[in-house]
Amino acid sequence: MARAHPVCPLCGRAIPPGVPQSRHHLVPRLKGGKGGETVLLHHICHKEIHASLSEADLARDYSTIDALRAHPRLAKFIRWVAKRPPGFSSRSAGNRRAR
């Protein structure tokens, strides 16, 4: 029986082997999350989280997947990236926007 690929909890797309991926600390390491819970995400999803939110914001208000998914900028990103194949990777840098 074939094993299913892990699923990115942010965008809901599969993470097949060879697709850029990274672990996200739900509470940033520098804000008390060292050794805390992590989630496996597409690298593009992880980059968007850190382009959208400061470490302080992540620790204070966005330490769960549900909270991240509810953030207006991330919700817009999720709707956009959900239409892309699992291996999609943006070539443009994820610029930080005004927080």
PDB file of N, CA and C in Angstrom:
ATOM      1  N   MET A   1       0.839  -1.177   0.000  1.00  0.00           N
ATOM      2  CA  MET A   1       0.000   0.000   0.000  1.00  0.00           C
ATOM      3  C   MET A   1       0.888   1.245   0.000  1.00  0.00           C
ATOM      4  N   ALA A   2       0.628   2.192  -0.885  1.00  0.00           N
ATOM      5  CA  ALA A   2       1.423   3.406  -0.992  1.00  0.00           C
ATOM      6  C   ALA A   2       1.074   4.376   0.137  1.00  0.00           C
ATOM      7  N   ARG A   3       2.115   5.017   0.657  1.00  0.00           N
ATOM      8  CA  ARG A   3       1.895   6.007   1.709  1.00  0.00           C
ATOM      9  C   ARG A   3       1.492   7.333   1.080  1.00  0.00           C
ATOM     10  N   ALA A   4       0.568   7.991   1.704  1.00  0.00           N
ATOM     11  CA  ALA A   4       0.134   9.298   1.214  1.00  0.00           C
ATOM     12  C   ALA A   4       1.208  10.333   1.538  1.00  0.00           C
ATOM     13  N   HIS A   5       1.297  11.351   0.700  1.00  0.00           N
ATOM     14  CA  HIS A   5       2.233  12.441   0.952  1.00  0.00           C
ATOM     15  C   HIS A   5       1.716  13.277   2.113  1.00  0.00           C
ATOM     16  N   PRO A   6       2.639  13.900   2.874  1.00  0.00           N
ATOM     17  CA  PRO A   6       2.167  14.816   3.916  1.00  0.00           C
ATOM     18  C   PRO A   6       1.412  15.979   3.266  1.00  0.00           C
ATOM     19  N   VAL A   7       0.558  16.601   4.030  1.00  0.00           N
ATOM     20  CA  VAL A   7      -0.248  17.721   3.540  1.00  0.00           C
ATOM     21  C   VAL A   7       0.157  18.982   4.296  1.00  0.00           C
ATOM     22  N   CYS A   8       0.342  20.062   3.566  1.00  0.00           N
ATOM     23  CA  CYS A   8       0.666  21.352   4.172  1.00  0.00           C
ATOM     24  C   CYS A   8      -0.567  21.844   4.933  1.00  0.00           C
ATOM     25  N   PRO A   9      -0.458  22.047   6.239  1.00  0.00           N
ATOM     26  CA  PRO A   9      -1.636  22.477   6.991  1.00  0.00           C
ATOM     27  C   PRO A   9      -2.073  23.907   6.676  1.00  0.00           C
ATOM     28  N   LEU A  10      -1.201  24.702   6.071  1.00  0.00           N
ATOM     29  CA  LEU A  10      -1.585  26.070   5.744  1.00  0.00           C
ATOM     30  C   LEU A  10      -2.441  26.107   4.479  1.00  0.00           C
ATOM     31  N   CYS A  11      -1.941  25.524   3.389  1.00  0.00           N
ATOM     32  CA  CYS A  11      -2.661  25.624   2.111  1.00  0.00           C
ATOM     33  C   CYS A  11      -3.483  24.384   1.769  1.00  0.00           C
ATOM     34  N   GLY A  12      -3.234  23.271   2.450  1.00  0.00           N
ATOM     35  CA  GLY A  12      -4.004  22.058   2.205  1.00  0.00           C
ATOM     36  C   GLY A  12      -3.548  21.229   1.018  1.00  0.00           C
ATOM     37  N   ARG A  13      -2.441  21.630   0.358  1.00  0.00           N
ATOM     38  CA  ARG A  13      -1.930  20.870  -0.782  1.00  0.00           C
ATOM     39  C   ARG A  13      -0.938  19.815  -0.297  1.00  0.00           C
ATOM     40  N   ALA A  14      -0.809  18.739  -1.067  1.00  0.00           N
ATOM     41  CA  ALA A  14       0.150  17.683  -0.745  1.00  0.00           C
ATOM     42  C   ALA A  14       1.578  18.219  -0.848  1.00  0.00           C
ATOM     43  N   ILE A  15       2.484  17.601  -0.102  1.00  0.00           N
ATOM     44  CA  ILE A  15       3.907  17.925  -0.170  1.00  0.00           C
ATOM     45  C   ILE A  15       4.639  16.670  -0.649  1.00  0.00           C
ATOM     46  N   PRO A  16       4.719  16.464  -1.971  1.00  0.00           N
ATOM     47  CA  PRO A  16       5.387  15.272  -2.485  1.00  0.00           C
ATOM     48  C   PRO A  16       6.899  15.350  -2.299  1.00  0.00           C
ATOM     49  N   PRO A  17       7.589  14.207  -2.384  1.00  0.00           N
ATOM     50  CA  PRO A  17       9.052  14.211  -2.262  1.00  0.00           C
ATOM     51  C   PRO A  17       9.674  15.136  -3.313  1.00  0.00           C
ATOM     52  N   GLY A  18      10.718  15.820  -2.931  1.00  0.00           N
ATOM     53  CA  GLY A  18      11.422  16.697  -3.845  1.00  0.00           C
ATOM     54  C   GLY A  18      10.889  18.117  -3.914  1.00  0.00           C
ATOM     55  N   VAL A  19       9.740  18.365  -3.311  1.00  0.00           N
ATOM     56  CA  VAL A  19       9.163  19.714  -3.294  1.00  0.00           C
ATOM     57  C   VAL A  19       9.795  20.473  -2.126  1.00  0.00           C
ATOM     58  N   PRO A  20      10.243  21.716  -2.348  1.00  0.00           N
ATOM     59  CA  PRO A  20      10.835  22.485  -1.251  1.00  0.00           C
ATOM     60  C   PRO A  20       9.870  22.586  -0.069  1.00  0.00           C
ATOM     61  N   GLN A  21      10.375  22.241   1.089  1.00  0.00           N
ATOM     62  CA  GLN A  21       9.560  22.226   2.306  1.00  0.00           C
ATOM     63  C   GLN A  21      10.402  22.674   3.484  1.00  0.00           C
ATOM     64  N   SER A  22       9.745  23.087   4.542  1.00  0.00           N
ATOM     65  CA  SER A  22      10.466  23.491   5.745  1.00  0.00           C
ATOM     66  C   SER A  22       9.552  23.347   6.955  1.00  0.00           C
ATOM     67  N   ARG A  23      10.188  23.325   8.118  1.00  0.00           N
ATOM     68  CA  ARG A  23       9.456  23.231   9.387  1.00  0.00           C
ATOM     69  C   ARG A  23       9.261  24.628   9.952  1.00  0.00           C
ATOM     70  N   HIS A  24       8.048  24.882  10.405  1.00  0.00           N
ATOM     71  CA  HIS A  24       7.712  26.175  11.008  1.00  0.00           C
ATOM     72  C   HIS A  24       7.436  25.962  12.486  1.00  0.00           C
ATOM     73  N   HIS A  25       8.136  26.729  13.326  1.00  0.00           N
ATOM     74  CA  HIS A  25       7.852  26.712  14.765  1.00  0.00           C
ATOM     75  C   HIS A  25       6.603  27.560  14.994  1.00  0.00           C
ATOM     76  N   LEU A  26       5.570  26.976  15.562  1.00  0.00           N
ATOM     77  CA  LEU A  26       4.338  27.725  15.787  1.00  0.00           C
ATOM     78  C   LEU A  26       4.577  28.912  16.718  1.00  0.00           C
ATOM     79  N   VAL A  27       5.424  28.731  17.714  1.00  0.00           N
ATOM     80  CA  VAL A  27       5.903  29.848  18.525  1.00  0.00           C
ATOM     81  C   VAL A  27       7.365  30.022  18.126  1.00  0.00           C
ATOM     82  N   PRO A  28       7.754  31.196  17.640  1.00  0.00           N
ATOM     83  CA  PRO A  28       9.137  31.384  17.195  1.00  0.00           C
ATOM     84  C   PRO A  28      10.152  31.000  18.276  1.00  0.00           C
ATOM     85  N   ARG A  29      11.250  30.407  17.833  1.00  0.00           N
ATOM     86  CA  ARG A  29      12.291  29.965  18.774  1.00  0.00           C
ATOM     87  C   ARG A  29      12.768  31.097  19.669  1.00  0.00           C
ATOM     88  N   LEU A  30      12.942  32.280  19.092  1.00  0.00           N
ATOM     89  CA  LEU A  30      13.442  33.416  19.873  1.00  0.00           C
ATOM     90  C   LEU A  30      12.401  33.991  20.826  1.00  0.00           C
ATOM     91  N   LYS A  31      11.172  33.538  20.709  1.00  0.00           N
ATOM     92  CA  LYS A  31      10.089  34.020  21.583  1.00  0.00           C
ATOM     93  C   LYS A  31       9.582  32.917  22.498  1.00  0.00           C
ATOM     94  N   GLY A  32      10.438  31.929  22.799  1.00  0.00           N
ATOM     95  CA  GLY A  32      10.078  30.874  23.735  1.00  0.00           C
ATOM     96  C   GLY A  32       9.640  29.569  23.102  1.00  0.00           C
ATOM     97  N   GLY A  33       9.742  29.443  21.787  1.00  0.00           N
ATOM     98  CA  GLY A  33       9.267  28.244  21.112  1.00  0.00           C
ATOM     99  C   GLY A  33      10.332  27.198  20.821  1.00  0.00           C
ATOM    100  N   LYS A  34      11.564  27.406  21.308  1.00  0.00           N
ATOM    101  CA  LYS A  34      12.619  26.417  21.063  1.00  0.00           C
ATOM    102  C   LYS A  34      12.189  25.092  21.680  1.00  0.00           C
ATOM    103  N   GLY A  35      12.179  24.046  20.872  1.00  0.00           N
ATOM    104  CA  GLY A  35      11.733  22.742  21.353  1.00  0.00           C
ATOM    105  C   GLY A  35      10.218  22.588  21.329  1.00  0.00           C
ATOM    106  N   GLY A  36       9.519  23.612  20.863  1.00  0.00           N
ATOM    107  CA  GLY A  36       8.060  23.570  20.808  1.00  0.00           C
ATOM    108  C   GLY A  36       7.549  22.896  19.548  1.00  0.00           C
ATOM    109  N   GLU A  37       6.259  22.941  19.379  1.00  0.00           N
ATOM    110  CA  GLU A  37       5.610  22.282  18.248  1.00  0.00           C
ATOM    111  C   GLU A  37       6.000  22.922  16.916  1.00  0.00           C
ATOM    112  N   THR A  38       6.248  22.062  15.937  1.00  0.00           N
ATOM    113  CA  THR A  38       6.539  22.521  14.577  1.00  0.00           C
ATOM    114  C   THR A  38       5.567  21.853  13.612  1.00  0.00           C
ATOM    115  N   VAL A  39       5.405  22.466  12.444  1.00  0.00           N
ATOM    116  CA  VAL A  39       4.580  21.893  11.385  1.00  0.00           C
ATOM    117  C   VAL A  39       5.376  21.923  10.084  1.00  0.00           C
ATOM    118  N   LEU A  40       5.165  20.904   9.247  1.00  0.00           N
ATOM    119  CA  LEU A  40       5.811  20.828   7.952  1.00  0.00           C
ATOM    120  C   LEU A  40       4.980  21.599   6.935  1.00  0.00           C
ATOM    121  N   LEU A  41       5.614  22.551   6.242  1.00  0.00           N
ATOM    122  CA  LEU A  41       4.932  23.402   5.267  1.00  0.00           C
ATOM    123  C   LEU A  41       5.687  23.397   3.949  1.00  0.00           C
ATOM    124  N   HIS A  42       4.980  23.767   2.870  1.00  0.00           N
ATOM    125  CA  HIS A  42       5.685  24.088   1.636  1.00  0.00           C
ATOM    126  C   HIS A  42       6.594  25.269   1.965  1.00  0.00           C
ATOM    127  N   HIS A  43       7.755  25.320   1.340  1.00  0.00           N
ATOM    128  CA  HIS A  43       8.673  26.422   1.600  1.00  0.00           C
ATOM    129  C   HIS A  43       8.031  27.764   1.231  1.00  0.00           C
ATOM    130  N   ILE A  44       7.275  27.811   0.139  1.00  0.00           N
ATOM    131  CA  ILE A  44       6.621  29.057  -0.280  1.00  0.00           C
ATOM    132  C   ILE A  44       5.617  29.522   0.777  1.00  0.00           C
ATOM    133  N   CYS A  45       4.914  28.587   1.407  1.00  0.00           N
ATOM    134  CA  CYS A  45       3.953  28.934   2.467  1.00  0.00           C
ATOM    135  C   CYS A  45       4.689  29.466   3.693  1.00  0.00           C
ATOM    136  N   HIS A  46       5.795  28.835   4.042  1.00  0.00           N
ATOM    137  CA  HIS A  46       6.593  29.260   5.188  1.00  0.00           C
ATOM    138  C   HIS A  46       7.151  30.667   4.948  1.00  0.00           C
ATOM    139  N   LYS A  47       7.645  30.912   3.742  1.00  0.00           N
ATOM    140  CA  LYS A  47       8.177  32.240   3.414  1.00  0.00           C
ATOM    141  C   LYS A  47       7.092  33.306   3.528  1.00  0.00           C
ATOM    142  N   GLU A  48       5.889  32.989   3.101  1.00  0.00           N
ATOM    143  CA  GLU A  48       4.800  33.970   3.153  1.00  0.00           C
ATOM    144  C   GLU A  48       4.416  34.304   4.591  1.00  0.00           C
ATOM    145  N   ILE A  49       4.444  33.315   5.476  1.00  0.00           N
ATOM    146  CA  ILE A  49       4.155  33.572   6.891  1.00  0.00           C
ATOM    147  C   ILE A  49       5.128  34.610   7.430  1.00  0.00           C
ATOM    148  N   HIS A  50       6.425  34.392   7.186  1.00  0.00           N
ATOM    149  CA  HIS A  50       7.436  35.290   7.740  1.00  0.00           C
ATOM    150  C   HIS A  50       7.518  36.620   6.999  1.00  0.00           C
ATOM    151  N   ALA A  51       7.037  36.676   5.761  1.00  0.00           N
ATOM    152  CA  ALA A  51       6.958  37.950   5.047  1.00  0.00           C
ATOM    153  C   ALA A  51       5.772  38.776   5.536  1.00  0.00           C
ATOM    154  N   SER A  52       4.779  38.113   6.102  1.00  0.00           N
ATOM    155  CA  SER A  52       3.548  38.783   6.523  1.00  0.00           C
ATOM    156  C   SER A  52       3.544  39.210   7.976  1.00  0.00           C
ATOM    157  N   LEU A  53       4.236  38.464   8.825  1.00  0.00           N
ATOM    158  CA  LEU A  53       4.119  38.677  10.265  1.00  0.00           C
ATOM    159  C   LEU A  53       5.490  38.750  10.943  1.00  0.00           C
ATOM    160  N   SER A  54       5.592  39.579  11.952  1.00  0.00           N
ATOM    161  CA  SER A  54       6.820  39.661  12.742  1.00  0.00           C
ATOM    162  C   SER A  54       6.869  38.489  13.724  1.00  0.00           C
ATOM    163  N   GLU A  55       8.044  38.253  14.268  1.00  0.00           N
ATOM    164  CA  GLU A  55       8.200  37.196  15.282  1.00  0.00           C
ATOM    165  C   GLU A  55       7.284  37.481  16.477  1.00  0.00           C
ATOM    166  N   ALA A  56       7.203  38.742  16.873  1.00  0.00           N
ATOM    167  CA  ALA A  56       6.347  39.104  18.012  1.00  0.00           C
ATOM    168  C   ALA A  56       4.877  38.821  17.703  1.00  0.00           C
ATOM    169  N   ASP A  57       4.430  39.171  16.499  1.00  0.00           N
ATOM    170  CA  ASP A  57       3.041  38.894  16.110  1.00  0.00           C
ATOM    171  C   ASP A  57       2.767  37.397  16.105  1.00  0.00           C
ATOM    172  N   LEU A  58       3.719  36.633  15.563  1.00  0.00           N
ATOM    173  CA  LEU A  58       3.550  35.175  15.532  1.00  0.00           C
ATOM    174  C   LEU A  58       3.403  34.618  16.945  1.00  0.00           C
ATOM    175  N   ALA A  59       4.258  35.047  17.857  1.00  0.00           N
ATOM    176  CA  ALA A  59       4.218  34.536  19.230  1.00  0.00           C
ATOM    177  C   ALA A  59       2.946  34.964  19.955  1.00  0.00           C
ATOM    178  N   ARG A  60       2.545  36.207  19.747  1.00  0.00           N
ATOM    179  CA  ARG A  60       1.417  36.762  20.499  1.00  0.00           C
ATOM    180  C   ARG A  60       0.061  36.318  19.958  1.00  0.00           C
ATOM    181  N   ASP A  61      -0.138  36.390  18.634  1.00  0.00           N
ATOM    182  CA  ASP A  61      -1.480  36.217  18.076  1.00  0.00           C
ATOM    183  C   ASP A  61      -1.641  35.107  17.044  1.00  0.00           C
ATOM    184  N   TYR A  62      -0.538  34.562  16.541  1.00  0.00           N
ATOM    185  CA  TYR A  62      -0.626  33.628  15.414  1.00  0.00           C
ATOM    186  C   TYR A  62       0.160  32.342  15.668  1.00  0.00           C
ATOM    187  N   SER A  63      -0.047  31.732  16.812  1.00  0.00           N
ATOM    188  CA  SER A  63       0.704  30.530  17.181  1.00  0.00           C
ATOM    189  C   SER A  63      -0.050  29.231  16.881  1.00  0.00           C
ATOM    190  N   THR A  64      -1.112  29.333  16.077  1.00  0.00           N
ATOM    191  CA  THR A  64      -1.830  28.134  15.637  1.00  0.00           C
ATOM    192  C   THR A  64      -2.070  28.229  14.130  1.00  0.00           C
ATOM    193  N   ILE A  65      -2.274  27.094  13.510  1.00  0.00           N
ATOM    194  CA  ILE A  65      -2.566  27.079  12.075  1.00  0.00           C
ATOM    195  C   ILE A  65      -3.884  27.813  11.802  1.00  0.00           C
ATOM    196  N   ASP A  66      -4.892  27.614  12.633  1.00  0.00           N
ATOM    197  CA  ASP A  66      -6.178  28.294  12.430  1.00  0.00           C
ATOM    198  C   ASP A  66      -6.016  29.812  12.466  1.00  0.00           C
ATOM    199  N   ALA A  67      -5.214  30.307  13.412  1.00  0.00           N
ATOM    200  CA  ALA A  67      -4.985  31.750  13.497  1.00  0.00           C
ATOM    201  C   ALA A  67      -4.245  32.254  12.262  1.00  0.00           C
ATOM    202  N   LEU A  68      -3.241  31.500  11.803  1.00  0.00           N
ATOM    203  CA  LEU A  68      -2.508  31.887  10.594  1.00  0.00           C
ATOM    204  C   LEU A  68      -3.439  31.931   9.393  1.00  0.00           C
ATOM    205  N   ARG A  69      -4.294  30.919   9.259  1.00  0.00           N
ATOM    206  CA  ARG A  69      -5.215  30.850   8.114  1.00  0.00           C
ATOM    207  C   ARG A  69      -6.227  31.996   8.133  1.00  0.00           C
ATOM    208  N   ALA A  70      -6.512  32.546   9.314  1.00  0.00           N
ATOM    209  CA  ALA A  70      -7.486  33.630   9.442  1.00  0.00           C
ATOM    210  C   ALA A  70      -6.881  35.014   9.168  1.00  0.00           C
ATOM    211  N   HIS A  71      -5.558  35.121   9.147  1.00  0.00           N
ATOM    212  CA  HIS A  71      -4.916  36.410   8.890  1.00  0.00           C
ATOM    213  C   HIS A  71      -5.271  36.856   7.462  1.00  0.00           C
ATOM    214  N   PRO A  72      -5.718  38.096   7.266  1.00  0.00           N
ATOM    215  CA  PRO A  72      -6.197  38.534   5.946  1.00  0.00           C
ATOM    216  C   PRO A  72      -5.197  38.328   4.808  1.00  0.00           C
ATOM    217  N   ARG A  73      -3.952  38.705   4.998  1.00  0.00           N
ATOM    218  CA  ARG A  73      -2.966  38.543   3.916  1.00  0.00           C
ATOM    219  C   ARG A  73      -2.707  37.067   3.636  1.00  0.00           C
ATOM    220  N   LEU A  74      -2.599  36.260   4.690  1.00  0.00           N
ATOM    221  CA  LEU A  74      -2.354  34.830   4.487  1.00  0.00           C
ATOM    222  C   LEU A  74      -3.566  34.150   3.867  1.00  0.00           C
ATOM    223  N   ALA A  75      -4.772  34.565   4.231  1.00  0.00           N
ATOM    224  CA  ALA A  75      -5.978  33.985   3.635  1.00  0.00           C
ATOM    225  C   ALA A  75      -5.997  34.253   2.129  1.00  0.00           C
ATOM    226  N   LYS A  76      -5.623  35.464   1.732  1.00  0.00           N
ATOM    227  CA  LYS A  76      -5.553  35.803   0.306  1.00  0.00           C
ATOM    228  C   LYS A  76      -4.487  34.956  -0.383  1.00  0.00           C
ATOM    229  N   PHE A  77      -3.322  34.805   0.249  1.00  0.00           N
ATOM    230  CA  PHE A  77      -2.246  33.973  -0.298  1.00  0.00           C
ATOM    231  C   PHE A  77      -2.708  32.527  -0.449  1.00  0.00           C
ATOM    232  N   ILE A  78      -3.394  31.991   0.553  1.00  0.00           N
ATOM    233  CA  ILE A  78      -3.860  30.594   0.521  1.00  0.00           C
ATOM    234  C   ILE A  78      -4.821  30.385  -0.646  1.00  0.00           C
ATOM    235  N   ARG A  79      -5.749  31.312  -0.848  1.00  0.00           N
ATOM    236  CA  ARG A  79      -6.670  31.195  -1.986  1.00  0.00           C
ATOM    237  C   ARG A  79      -5.903  31.176  -3.304  1.00  0.00           C
ATOM    238  N   TRP A  80      -4.867  31.996  -3.404  1.00  0.00           N
ATOM    239  CA  TRP A  80      -4.061  32.074  -4.624  1.00  0.00           C
ATOM    240  C   TRP A  80      -3.226  30.809  -4.823  1.00  0.00           C
ATOM    241  N   VAL A  81      -2.500  30.380  -3.794  1.00  0.00           N
ATOM    242  CA  VAL A  81      -1.570  29.254  -3.954  1.00  0.00           C
ATOM    243  C   VAL A  81      -2.316  27.923  -4.069  1.00  0.00           C
ATOM    244  N   ALA A  82      -3.523  27.838  -3.552  1.00  0.00           N
ATOM    245  CA  ALA A  82      -4.298  26.588  -3.637  1.00  0.00           C
ATOM    246  C   ALA A  82      -4.579  26.189  -5.084  1.00  0.00           C
ATOM    247  N   LYS A  83      -4.530  27.148  -5.995  1.00  0.00           N
ATOM    248  CA  LYS A  83      -4.775  26.885  -7.415  1.00  0.00           C
ATOM    249  C   LYS A  83      -3.517  26.414  -8.140  1.00  0.00           C
ATOM    250  N   ARG A  84      -2.387  26.400  -7.443  1.00  0.00           N
ATOM    251  CA  ARG A  84      -1.104  26.019  -8.033  1.00  0.00           C
ATOM    252  C   ARG A  84      -0.801  24.557  -7.735  1.00  0.00           C
ATOM    253  N   PRO A  85       0.027  23.911  -8.575  1.00  0.00           N
ATOM    254  CA  PRO A  85       0.405  22.518  -8.295  1.00  0.00           C
ATOM    255  C   PRO A  85       1.271  22.448  -7.033  1.00  0.00           C
ATOM    256  N   PRO A  86       1.327  21.279  -6.380  1.00  0.00           N
ATOM    257  CA  PRO A  86       2.082  21.145  -5.130  1.00  0.00           C
ATOM    258  C   PRO A  86       3.549  21.565  -5.227  1.00  0.00           C
ATOM    259  N   GLY A  87       4.159  21.408  -6.390  1.00  0.00           N
ATOM    260  CA  GLY A  87       5.565  21.755  -6.533  1.00  0.00           C
ATOM    261  C   GLY A  87       5.821  23.196  -6.927  1.00  0.00           C
ATOM    262  N   PHE A  88       4.774  24.012  -7.001  1.00  0.00           N
ATOM    263  CA  PHE A  88       4.925  25.407  -7.422  1.00  0.00           C
ATOM    264  C   PHE A  88       5.820  26.163  -6.457  1.00  0.00           C
ATOM    265  N   SER A  89       6.721  26.956  -7.017  1.00  0.00           N
ATOM    266  CA  SER A  89       7.593  27.802  -6.211  1.00  0.00           C
ATOM    267  C   SER A  89       7.729  29.143  -6.909  1.00  0.00           C
ATOM    268  N   SER A  90       7.451  30.199  -6.215  1.00  0.00           N
ATOM    269  CA  SER A  90       7.528  31.539  -6.789  1.00  0.00           C
ATOM    270  C   SER A  90       8.983  31.947  -6.951  1.00  0.00           C
ATOM    271  N   ARG A  91       9.284  32.609  -8.044  1.00  0.00           N
ATOM    272  CA  ARG A  91      10.643  33.088  -8.278  1.00  0.00           C
ATOM    273  C   ARG A  91      10.881  34.449  -7.645  1.00  0.00           C
ATOM    274  N   SER A  92       9.827  35.151  -7.309  1.00  0.00           N
ATOM    275  CA  SER A  92      10.001  36.485  -6.722  1.00  0.00           C
ATOM    276  C   SER A  92      10.193  36.366  -5.218  1.00  0.00           C
ATOM    277  N   ALA A  93      10.966  37.292  -4.697  1.00  0.00           N
ATOM    278  CA  ALA A  93      11.229  37.315  -3.249  1.00  0.00           C
ATOM    279  C   ALA A  93       9.965  37.742  -2.527  1.00  0.00           C
ATOM    280  N   GLY A  94       9.701  37.143  -1.372  1.00  0.00           N
ATOM    281  CA  GLY A  94       8.553  37.514  -0.557  1.00  0.00           C
ATOM    282  C   GLY A  94       8.876  38.754   0.249  1.00  0.00           C
ATOM    283  N   ASN A  95       8.599  39.921  -0.310  1.00  0.00           N
ATOM    284  CA  ASN A  95       8.897  41.171   0.376  1.00  0.00           C
ATOM    285  C   ASN A  95       8.014  41.342   1.588  1.00  0.00           C
ATOM    286  N   ARG A  96       8.609  41.889   2.620  1.00  0.00           N
ATOM    287  CA  ARG A  96       7.836  42.187   3.825  1.00  0.00           C
ATOM    288  C   ARG A  96       6.970  43.408   3.562  1.00  0.00           C
ATOM    289  N   ARG A  97       5.712  43.303   3.897  1.00  0.00           N
ATOM    290  CA  ARG A  97       4.815  44.434   3.761  1.00  0.00           C
ATOM    291  C   ARG A  97       4.687  45.127   5.102  1.00  0.00           C
ATOM    292  N   ALA A  98       4.182  46.328   5.105  1.00  0.00           N
ATOM    293  CA  ALA A  98       3.961  47.046   6.353  1.00  0.00           C
ATOM    294  C   ALA A  98       3.059  46.223   7.250  1.00  0.00           C
ATOM    295  N   ARG A  99       3.446  46.115   8.470  1.00  0.00           N
ATOM    296  CA  ARG A  99       2.671  45.311   9.419  1.00  0.00           C
ATOM    297  C   ARG A  99       1.799  46.234  10.190  1.00  0.00           C
TER     298      ARG A  99
END
